[in-house]
Every structure is written in structure tokens, then in C-alpha cells.
Amino acid sequence: MSQTARVIWDDALITYDFGHGHPLAPVRVELTMALARELGVLEKVEVAGCVPATDDELALVHKRDYIEAVKRVSANGVPDLSIGLGTPDNPAFAGVHEASALITGASLAAARAVFDGTAEHAVNVAGGLHHAMANLASGFCVYNDPAVAIAWLLAQGVDKIAYVDVDVHHGDGVQALFYDDPRVLTISLHEGPRTLFPGTGFPEETGADGSAVNVALPAGCGDSGWLRAFDAVVPPLLREFRPDILVTQHGCDSHALDPLAHLMLSLDGQRTAYEALHRLAHETAGGRWLATGGGGYELVQVVPRAWTHLIAELSGHPVDPATPTPEAWRQFARDRTGEAPPLTMTDGRNPEFRDLSGGYDPADPIDRAVMATRNAVFPLHGLDPMP
């Protein structure tokens, strides 16, 4: 197996643009790639291009009539509310099919690289559009690129795939598309559905014999609680499931500064999660790791640094958190957004957590969330839900 890491990129990926004022602004990935370039992170990976996903590839998870309807909207920009295009979350725009298909093609290029061994790890930071359903655009997502990549890998004969989603929003589209498929283990850690879109992701949603796993965390959860929950659920399940490939979605909207959600993670807590997933890819999936971006709406302070850390982690050459952000990048960020950029690659936190081995506190809402998940799914995997 190659020891390389591959970043899939094409400048046209920023054409996935819902317009001025929309939270999912493409400048966030533009600033990410610029920061990774200025820090020398891209020198330690292979950067490769991509082509749009074909209709047949999209149809691995999406309905053919939905694809055709998206194409009609794409041709003229006229909304079609029957497929979810033309809403505030998903405005219609000319070229939406082409832009969405290219993002999906980038995730497919990453999947191919990992599958055929030309790269051990691969990432598409523009991807992670995990809310799209088989026949409906939802939550800023038109085509579900992680699900298409997973379906493509299954079609190539991959036996088992684990999908871990650390976006603050429940990975509802990926879960729904594989809910009854025991070959795909979906694990989502997210803010609880009673306080955040999409209103799903309860621990009782367990899929086929525990193939869906949901950790619904309370608003206000920070680094130590989030990492405690991750450690209590994700490693045991991945070690038992032993996937052939690990697919991860890295929405960084769990950050305290994110304007759309209510978790309180720091950049350093998110980076700690990336390190943990990297270790688990090697421990449980033979090192085969496909990563995507996802949500993240603090466009200057959070997303570029978070995903630059992600790329660096995939490369095996993590960036020292104390590293200053390059002045050339700061000026670029100011020119593109008018905002004052961050000065270093850290929030100045040193995330620590207590694991569950010392017992759990039933009065702690985070521990209650963890135990609700473990009680719902661990027995279905032959695991003891008790610490």
C-alpha cells in the first residue's frame, strides 16, 4: 500500500455558490487551500484534479428523475421546490448541476485513489454534502458526495465501510441512504435534534442491526465532553466492525464561533479528533482513509485553519498549533473578506478528557447522551454498553 496522501482540488470547485449572504460561502475552501499552500502543507501531499460525476455515478444513490430535475434548474436557474431547489437553504442557480457533480466527482476521485492504492489517504475539502437525499436537496446539499463515494466503493466489491461524521449537524442523508445496509456503519456525533437542524439523529435510530449510530450531544458541549463522547463510542465500534475503508466527514461547525449551531469546541479539540480518526484508520481499516469537508460557517477564523490541520494530518506531517499564519495568507484573507484573520494555527487550548473507564455520571447530560447511544447499539455489535 502506498504511503501517500492525496488532496483532490480544482479551482472550479468554488462554483458551488448559492449566492451572496448564503452561509455556505465558497471562499471558505478557497481560503483553506490558500492557507495550506502558504504553510507548505500541499508540498507534502499529491494534489490531483477531478472530473464531474457522471449521471450513472450520481444514480448510485440519487433517483434518475431527481438528477434530470436538477439539470433543468441548472439550465435556467428557475426554482423547483418539488426537489428542494429554490428555498432559502438551497437557492436555485444556473449551473447547480455542474457545480454539484464536480464536488461529487472530487469525492469519487478520492475514493478511487484509496481503493486502487495510489494513495493511502485522500481528501476532498469541498465535499461532505451529507444532507442530500435520494430525490431532494436539503441543508445546503444537492448531491450527496460521501454517499456516492461509499456506493461506488461497494460497487467495486468493498465488503465493509465505516462512515464517521463529526459535523455539528446529523449526517441524515448518508444515514438514510444506507440505513438498511449492514455493509455500511454510519456514526454521527452531532448537536441533539431538539435544538438543531435536521431534527434527526436520536440514539434510537439504529438501522440494520446497529448499522446506524447516533450520539446526540447537548448544546454547550465543549472539547472535553465531545472528546469523551467520541472516545466512548467511536473506537470500540470501529475495532469491532473492522471496516475495509474508513470514510469521514469533517464539518467544523462544532466550533464555538460557528454562527449556526451551539456546540463549543475549539480548533484544538477538532484537531485532536482528526488525530484520533487518523490513528483509527490505521488501527481498524488498514490505513485506508477517505476524508471530506462539510459544514463550517465561520469562514475566516475557523474553516481554513481546521481543514489545513486536516490535510496536514492526512499527510503525516501535522502542523504545530503554535505556527503563525503566513502574512501573505492574512493579506489574502483580508482582501477576500475584509475581516481580520487569525494570527496562529491554534485557539490556545490543550484539550483533555476523562475516558469512561472510571464510570459515568447519570447527572451529566453528556454522559447520559453517551450511555443512550451505547445502550441502543453496543449490544447489537456484541459489545457491553457498560463502561
Protein backbone atom coordinates (compact mmCIF):
# COMPACT_ATOMS: atom_id res chain seq x y z
CA MET A 1 0.00 0.00 0.00
CA SER A 2 1.27 3.44 -0.91
CA GLN A 3 2.06 5.77 1.97
CA THR A 4 0.92 8.85 0.07
CA ALA A 5 -1.83 11.31 0.83
CA ARG A 6 -3.80 12.94 -1.98
CA VAL A 7 -5.75 16.19 -1.99
CA ILE A 8 -8.37 16.49 -4.71
CA TRP A 9 -8.69 20.03 -5.97
CA ASP A 10 -9.91 22.03 -8.93
CA ASP A 11 -10.44 25.78 -8.84
CA ALA A 12 -13.90 25.20 -10.33
CA LEU A 13 -14.98 23.60 -7.04
CA ILE A 14 -15.73 27.10 -5.74
CA THR A 15 -18.51 27.46 -8.34
CA TYR A 16 -20.80 25.65 -5.86
CA ASP A 17 -22.17 29.02 -4.81
CA PHE A 18 -25.68 29.75 -3.51
CA GLY A 19 -25.11 33.47 -3.75
CA HIS A 20 -24.25 36.50 -1.66
CA GLY A 21 -25.13 36.17 2.00
CA HIS A 22 -25.59 32.40 1.98
CA PRO A 23 -23.74 30.73 4.88
CA LEU A 24 -22.05 28.13 2.66
CA ALA A 25 -19.73 30.63 1.03
CA PRO A 26 -17.13 29.07 -1.29
CA VAL A 27 -14.47 31.48 -0.03
CA ARG A 28 -14.05 29.12 2.93
CA VAL A 29 -12.49 26.41 0.76
CA GLU A 30 -10.59 28.98 -1.28
CA LEU A 31 -9.02 30.30 1.95
CA THR A 32 -8.34 26.74 3.13
CA MET A 33 -6.36 25.83 0.04
CA ALA A 34 -4.51 29.15 0.14
CA LEU A 35 -3.52 28.62 3.78
CA ALA A 36 -2.41 25.04 3.16
CA ARG A 37 -0.36 26.24 0.21
CA GLU A 38 1.30 29.12 2.10
CA LEU A 39 2.18 26.85 5.04
CA GLY A 40 3.81 24.28 2.74
CA VAL A 41 1.23 21.64 3.63
CA LEU A 42 0.42 20.97 -0.03
CA GLU A 43 4.08 20.23 -0.70
CA LYS A 44 3.74 17.09 1.45
CA VAL A 45 0.77 15.65 -0.45
CA GLU A 46 -0.17 14.87 -4.02
CA VAL A 47 -2.64 17.39 -5.42
CA ALA A 48 -4.79 15.89 -8.15
CA GLY A 49 -7.69 17.12 -10.23
CA CYS A 50 -11.10 15.65 -10.83
CA VAL A 51 -13.93 15.45 -13.35
CA PRO A 52 -17.67 15.77 -12.72
CA ALA A 53 -19.53 12.69 -11.60
CA THR A 54 -21.50 11.10 -14.42
CA ASP A 55 -25.24 10.58 -14.28
CA ASP A 56 -24.65 6.86 -13.74
CA GLU A 57 -22.38 7.60 -10.79
CA LEU A 58 -24.87 10.02 -9.26
CA ALA A 59 -27.58 7.41 -9.78
CA LEU A 60 -25.76 5.08 -7.40
CA VAL A 61 -27.71 6.93 -4.68
CA HIS A 62 -29.92 9.54 -6.39
CA LYS A 63 -33.11 8.97 -8.37
CA ARG A 64 -32.77 9.47 -12.12
CA ASP A 65 -35.73 11.85 -12.25
CA TYR A 66 -34.14 13.92 -9.49
CA ILE A 67 -30.90 14.23 -11.46
CA GLU A 68 -32.88 15.32 -14.53
CA ALA A 69 -34.80 17.88 -12.47
CA VAL A 70 -31.57 19.33 -11.08
CA LYS A 71 -30.29 19.61 -14.65
CA ARG A 72 -33.38 21.57 -15.65
CA VAL A 73 -32.86 24.01 -12.79
CA SER A 74 -29.20 24.19 -13.74
CA ALA A 75 -30.03 25.16 -17.31
CA ASN A 76 -32.19 28.16 -16.44
CA GLY A 77 -31.86 28.89 -12.72
CA VAL A 78 -35.62 28.57 -12.23
CA PRO A 79 -36.52 27.08 -8.80
CA ASP A 80 -38.15 23.68 -8.45
CA LEU A 81 -39.46 23.39 -4.92
CA SER A 82 -40.55 19.79 -5.51
CA ILE A 83 -36.87 18.80 -5.32
CA GLY A 84 -35.89 21.37 -2.69
CA LEU A 85 -34.19 23.87 -5.01
CA GLY A 86 -35.37 27.44 -4.57
CA THR A 87 -35.57 27.51 -0.77
CA PRO A 88 -33.53 29.82 1.48
CA ASP A 89 -31.30 26.87 2.39
CA ASN A 90 -30.90 25.71 -1.20
CA PRO A 91 -31.37 28.61 -3.63
CA ALA A 92 -31.63 27.69 -7.28
CA PHE A 93 -28.81 28.89 -9.51
CA ALA A 94 -27.75 28.36 -13.10
CA GLY A 95 -25.01 25.73 -13.20
CA VAL A 96 -26.06 24.00 -9.98
CA HIS A 97 -25.87 20.53 -11.54
CA GLU A 98 -22.39 21.05 -12.94
CA ALA A 99 -21.05 22.51 -9.69
CA SER A 100 -22.62 19.75 -7.59
CA ALA A 101 -21.47 16.99 -9.93
CA LEU A 102 -17.89 18.30 -9.77
CA ILE A 103 -17.87 18.18 -5.97
CA THR A 104 -19.15 14.61 -6.17
CA GLY A 105 -16.54 13.83 -8.79
CA ALA A 106 -13.85 15.09 -6.42
CA SER A 107 -15.00 12.70 -3.70
CA LEU A 108 -15.12 9.90 -6.26
CA ALA A 109 -11.55 10.72 -7.30
CA ALA A 110 -10.53 10.44 -3.66
CA ALA A 111 -12.37 7.12 -3.34
CA ARG A 112 -10.67 5.73 -6.45
CA ALA A 113 -7.24 6.70 -5.17
CA VAL A 114 -7.81 4.94 -1.85
CA PHE A 115 -9.44 1.92 -3.49
CA ASP A 116 -6.71 1.29 -6.05
CA GLY A 117 -3.89 2.05 -3.64
CA THR A 118 -2.41 5.03 -5.44
CA ALA A 119 -2.95 6.92 -2.18
CA GLU A 120 -3.39 5.61 1.31
CA HIS A 121 -5.36 8.68 2.41
CA ALA A 122 -7.33 11.12 0.25
CA VAL A 123 -9.39 14.22 1.00
CA ASN A 124 -11.90 16.49 -0.73
CA VAL A 125 -12.31 19.54 1.48
CA ALA A 126 -15.04 20.90 -0.82
CA GLY A 127 -17.14 17.79 -0.21
CA GLY A 128 -19.09 16.38 2.70
CA LEU A 129 -22.56 17.44 1.49
CA HIS A 130 -24.21 14.92 3.77
CA HIS A 131 -27.83 16.15 3.90
CA ALA A 132 -28.86 15.50 0.29
CA MET A 133 -31.45 12.75 -0.06
CA ALA A 134 -32.14 10.39 -2.95
CA ASN A 135 -34.62 12.81 -4.52
CA LEU A 136 -34.32 16.03 -2.52
CA ALA A 137 -31.83 18.84 -1.96
CA SER A 138 -31.56 19.66 1.72
CA GLY A 139 -29.40 21.60 4.15
CA PHE A 140 -27.17 23.31 1.53
CA CYS A 141 -26.60 19.94 -0.19
CA VAL A 142 -27.72 18.96 -3.71
CA TYR A 143 -25.82 15.73 -4.40
CA ASN A 144 -24.59 13.59 -1.51
CA ASP A 145 -20.94 13.15 -2.41
CA PRO A 146 -19.94 10.98 0.60
CA ALA A 147 -22.81 8.61 -0.11
CA VAL A 148 -21.97 8.40 -3.83
CA ALA A 149 -18.33 7.63 -2.94
CA ILE A 150 -19.43 4.92 -0.48
CA ALA A 151 -21.86 3.41 -3.01
CA TRP A 152 -19.13 3.41 -5.66
CA LEU A 153 -16.73 1.60 -3.32
CA LEU A 154 -19.39 -1.00 -2.53
CA ALA A 155 -19.96 -1.49 -6.26
CA GLN A 156 -16.26 -2.24 -6.65
CA GLY A 157 -16.61 -5.08 -4.17
CA VAL A 158 -15.53 -3.44 -0.91
CA ASP A 159 -17.15 -5.50 1.82
CA LYS A 160 -17.41 -3.09 4.75
CA ILE A 161 -17.20 0.69 5.04
CA ALA A 162 -17.41 2.78 8.19
CA TYR A 163 -18.55 6.40 7.91
CA VAL A 164 -17.83 8.74 10.83
CA ASP A 165 -19.44 12.18 10.69
CA VAL A 166 -18.22 14.85 13.14
CA ASP A 167 -20.23 17.73 11.67
CA VAL A 168 -22.37 19.54 14.24
CA HIS A 169 -25.44 18.56 12.18
CA HIS A 170 -26.66 14.98 11.97
CA GLY A 171 -25.46 13.18 8.85
CA ASP A 172 -29.03 12.34 7.94
CA GLY A 173 -28.64 11.86 4.19
CA VAL A 174 -25.82 9.35 4.42
CA GLN A 175 -27.62 7.53 7.21
CA ALA A 176 -30.88 7.38 5.23
CA LEU A 177 -29.22 6.10 2.07
CA PHE A 178 -27.54 3.19 3.88
CA TYR A 179 -29.91 2.72 6.80
CA ASP A 180 -30.75 -0.88 5.96
CA ASP A 181 -27.35 -1.87 4.57
CA PRO A 182 -25.25 -3.78 7.13
CA ARG A 183 -22.15 -3.30 4.97
CA VAL A 184 -22.07 0.39 5.96
CA LEU A 185 -21.67 1.51 9.55
CA THR A 186 -22.65 5.18 9.91
CA ILE A 187 -21.63 7.01 13.10
CA SER A 188 -22.67 10.61 13.64
CA LEU A 189 -21.73 12.85 16.57
CA HIS A 190 -23.87 15.97 16.46
CA GLU A 191 -25.81 18.52 18.43
CA GLY A 192 -29.06 16.97 19.59
CA PRO A 193 -32.01 17.06 17.19
CA ARG A 194 -34.23 19.01 19.58
CA THR A 195 -32.07 22.11 19.21
CA LEU A 196 -30.66 21.89 15.68
CA PHE A 197 -31.43 21.03 12.05
CA PRO A 198 -32.25 18.48 10.66
CA GLY A 199 -34.15 17.24 13.72
CA THR A 200 -32.97 13.65 13.36
CA GLY A 201 -30.16 11.60 14.83
CA PHE A 202 -31.69 10.22 18.01
CA PRO A 203 -29.84 7.25 19.55
CA GLU A 204 -32.86 5.05 18.86
CA GLU A 205 -32.15 5.34 15.11
CA THR A 206 -30.07 2.17 14.84
CA GLY A 207 -30.50 0.92 11.28
CA ALA A 208 -29.90 -2.70 10.31
CA ASP A 209 -28.63 -4.49 13.43
CA GLY A 210 -26.91 -1.39 14.74
CA SER A 211 -25.55 -0.13 11.43
CA ALA A 212 -26.61 3.44 12.30
CA VAL A 213 -25.09 5.04 15.40
CA ASN A 214 -26.06 8.46 16.70
CA VAL A 215 -24.51 10.45 19.53
CA ALA A 216 -26.82 13.42 20.18
CA LEU A 217 -24.88 15.90 22.31
CA PRO A 218 -26.36 18.74 24.35
CA ALA A 219 -25.96 22.36 23.31
CA GLY A 220 -22.93 23.89 25.01
CA CYS A 221 -20.83 20.72 24.84
CA GLY A 222 -17.14 21.65 24.59
CA ASP A 223 -13.84 19.90 23.91
CA SER A 224 -13.62 17.66 26.96
CA GLY A 225 -17.21 16.41 26.77
CA TRP A 226 -17.14 15.95 23.00
CA LEU A 227 -13.87 14.03 23.08
CA ARG A 228 -15.13 11.90 25.97
CA ALA A 229 -18.20 11.01 23.93
CA PHE A 230 -16.14 10.27 20.82
CA ASP A 231 -13.76 8.03 22.77
CA ALA A 232 -16.63 6.16 24.41
CA VAL A 233 -18.38 5.30 21.15
CA VAL A 234 -16.25 5.51 18.02
CA PRO A 235 -13.11 3.43 18.77
CA PRO A 236 -14.96 0.43 20.25
CA LEU A 237 -17.35 0.23 17.30
CA LEU A 238 -14.64 0.64 14.65
CA ARG A 239 -12.48 -2.00 16.35
CA GLU A 240 -15.40 -4.42 16.32
CA PHE A 241 -16.61 -3.60 12.80
CA ARG A 242 -13.14 -3.64 11.17
CA PRO A 243 -14.02 -1.70 8.01
CA ASP A 244 -12.09 -2.14 4.79
CA ILE A 245 -12.13 1.64 4.32
CA LEU A 246 -12.84 4.48 6.73
CA VAL A 247 -14.78 7.45 5.33
CA THR A 248 -15.01 10.59 7.47
CA GLN A 249 -16.88 13.88 7.20
CA HIS A 250 -15.24 16.84 8.93
CA GLY A 251 -17.75 19.64 9.22
CA CYS A 252 -16.07 22.12 11.59
CA ASP A 253 -19.31 23.87 12.59
CA SER A 254 -18.97 22.34 16.06
CA HIS A 255 -16.64 25.27 16.82
CA ALA A 256 -17.71 27.77 19.47
CA LEU A 257 -17.61 30.62 16.93
CA ASP A 258 -19.85 28.94 14.38
CA PRO A 259 -22.95 31.10 13.82
CA LEU A 260 -25.38 28.28 13.02
CA ALA A 261 -25.01 25.88 15.95
CA HIS A 262 -24.45 25.66 19.69
CA LEU A 263 -21.52 23.38 20.48
CA MET A 264 -18.39 24.91 21.97
CA LEU A 265 -15.39 23.06 20.55
CA SER A 266 -12.09 24.79 19.91
CA LEU A 267 -9.90 24.39 16.88
CA ASP A 268 -7.58 22.35 19.09
CA GLY A 269 -10.37 19.97 20.05
CA GLN A 270 -11.24 19.48 16.40
CA ARG A 271 -7.59 18.84 15.55
CA THR A 272 -7.48 16.24 18.33
CA ALA A 273 -10.42 14.46 16.68
CA TYR A 274 -8.57 14.41 13.34
CA GLU A 275 -5.58 12.79 15.05
CA ALA A 276 -7.82 10.16 16.63
CA LEU A 277 -9.50 9.31 13.33
CA HIS A 278 -6.10 9.03 11.63
CA ARG A 279 -4.97 6.53 14.27
CA LEU A 280 -8.20 4.58 13.95
CA ALA A 281 -7.86 4.43 10.16
CA HIS A 282 -4.55 2.64 10.60
CA GLU A 283 -5.70 0.51 13.50
CA THR A 284 -9.00 -0.67 12.07
CA ALA A 285 -9.02 -0.08 8.28
CA GLY A 286 -5.50 -0.91 7.18
CA GLY A 287 -4.78 2.80 6.79
CA ARG A 288 -7.31 3.32 4.00
CA TRP A 289 -8.91 6.67 4.77
CA LEU A 290 -11.16 8.92 2.68
CA ALA A 291 -11.98 12.31 4.23
CA THR A 292 -14.23 15.18 3.20
CA GLY A 293 -15.02 18.65 4.46
CA GLY A 294 -18.58 19.52 5.39
CA GLY A 295 -20.25 22.31 7.30
CA GLY A 296 -18.45 25.28 8.81
CA TYR A 297 -19.71 28.84 8.61
CA GLU A 298 -17.08 30.88 10.45
CA LEU A 299 -15.37 31.46 7.12
CA VAL A 300 -12.10 33.10 8.17
CA GLN A 301 -11.38 32.27 11.80
CA VAL A 302 -12.26 28.56 11.75
CA VAL A 303 -12.68 26.73 8.46
CA PRO A 304 -9.33 27.47 6.78
CA ARG A 305 -7.31 26.55 9.86
CA ALA A 306 -9.38 23.48 10.72
CA TRP A 307 -9.14 21.93 7.28
CA THR A 308 -5.49 22.87 6.84
CA HIS A 309 -4.89 20.86 10.00
CA LEU A 310 -6.94 18.04 8.48
CA ILE A 311 -4.86 17.99 5.28
CA ALA A 312 -1.66 18.11 7.31
CA GLU A 313 -2.86 15.24 9.50
CA LEU A 314 -3.61 13.12 6.43
CA SER A 315 -0.12 13.86 5.11
CA GLY A 316 1.52 12.53 8.24
CA HIS A 317 3.13 15.92 8.83
CA PRO A 318 0.83 17.75 11.26
CA VAL A 319 1.21 21.49 11.67
CA ASP A 320 2.46 22.69 15.06
CA PRO A 321 -0.53 24.53 16.57
CA ALA A 322 1.75 27.40 17.61
CA THR A 323 2.67 28.07 13.97
CA PRO A 324 1.87 31.64 12.88
CA THR A 325 -0.41 32.04 9.91
CA PRO A 326 1.65 33.40 6.99
CA GLU A 327 1.40 37.13 6.36
CA ALA A 328 0.70 36.54 2.67
CA TRP A 329 -2.33 34.46 3.63
CA ARG A 330 -3.52 37.06 6.14
CA GLN A 331 -3.45 39.71 3.44
CA PHE A 332 -5.28 37.42 1.02
CA ALA A 333 -7.95 36.75 3.64
CA ARG A 334 -8.34 40.48 4.32
CA ASP A 335 -8.60 41.22 0.62
CA ARG A 336 -11.19 38.49 0.02
CA THR A 337 -13.38 39.07 3.07
CA GLY A 338 -12.50 42.38 4.74
CA GLU A 339 -12.05 40.50 8.02
CA ALA A 340 -9.07 40.36 10.36
CA PRO A 341 -7.58 36.85 10.05
CA PRO A 342 -6.29 34.68 12.91
CA LEU A 343 -2.61 35.02 13.76
CA THR A 344 -1.75 31.43 14.67
CA MET A 345 -2.93 27.88 13.97
CA THR A 346 -4.36 27.38 17.46
CA ASP A 347 -7.09 28.66 19.76
CA GLY A 348 -4.63 28.23 22.62
CA ARG A 349 -6.40 25.23 24.15
CA ASN A 350 -4.96 21.92 25.31
CA PRO A 351 -7.93 19.56 25.10
CA GLU A 352 -8.06 16.84 27.72
CA PHE A 353 -10.81 14.44 28.71
CA ARG A 354 -11.52 11.61 31.12
CA ASP A 355 -12.45 8.37 29.44
CA LEU A 356 -15.47 6.38 30.51
CA SER A 357 -13.47 3.64 32.24
CA GLY A 358 -13.82 5.44 35.57
CA GLY A 359 -17.59 5.24 35.32
CA TYR A 360 -20.26 7.64 34.16
CA ASP A 361 -22.29 10.32 35.87
CA PRO A 362 -26.03 9.95 35.25
CA ALA A 363 -26.49 13.60 36.22
CA ASP A 364 -24.19 14.74 33.40
CA PRO A 365 -26.12 15.37 30.15
CA ILE A 366 -23.11 14.38 28.05
CA ASP A 367 -22.76 11.07 29.87
CA ARG A 368 -26.49 10.48 29.51
CA ALA A 369 -26.16 11.03 25.76
CA VAL A 370 -23.22 8.65 25.57
CA MET A 371 -24.99 5.93 27.53
CA ALA A 372 -28.16 6.31 25.46
CA THR A 373 -26.10 5.55 22.36
CA ARG A 374 -24.14 2.69 23.92
CA ASN A 375 -27.32 1.11 25.31
CA ALA A 376 -29.03 1.38 21.91
CA VAL A 377 -26.31 -0.07 19.69
CA PHE A 378 -23.49 -1.74 21.61
CA PRO A 379 -25.42 -4.97 22.32
CA LEU A 380 -26.22 -5.23 18.60
CA HIS A 381 -22.46 -5.37 17.97
CA GLY A 382 -21.78 -7.83 20.78
CA LEU A 383 -20.31 -5.07 22.98
CA ASP A 384 -21.06 -4.38 26.61
CA PRO A 385 -22.72 -0.97 26.92
CA MET A 386 -21.49 -0.51 30.46
CA PRO A 387 -18.09 1.15 31.00
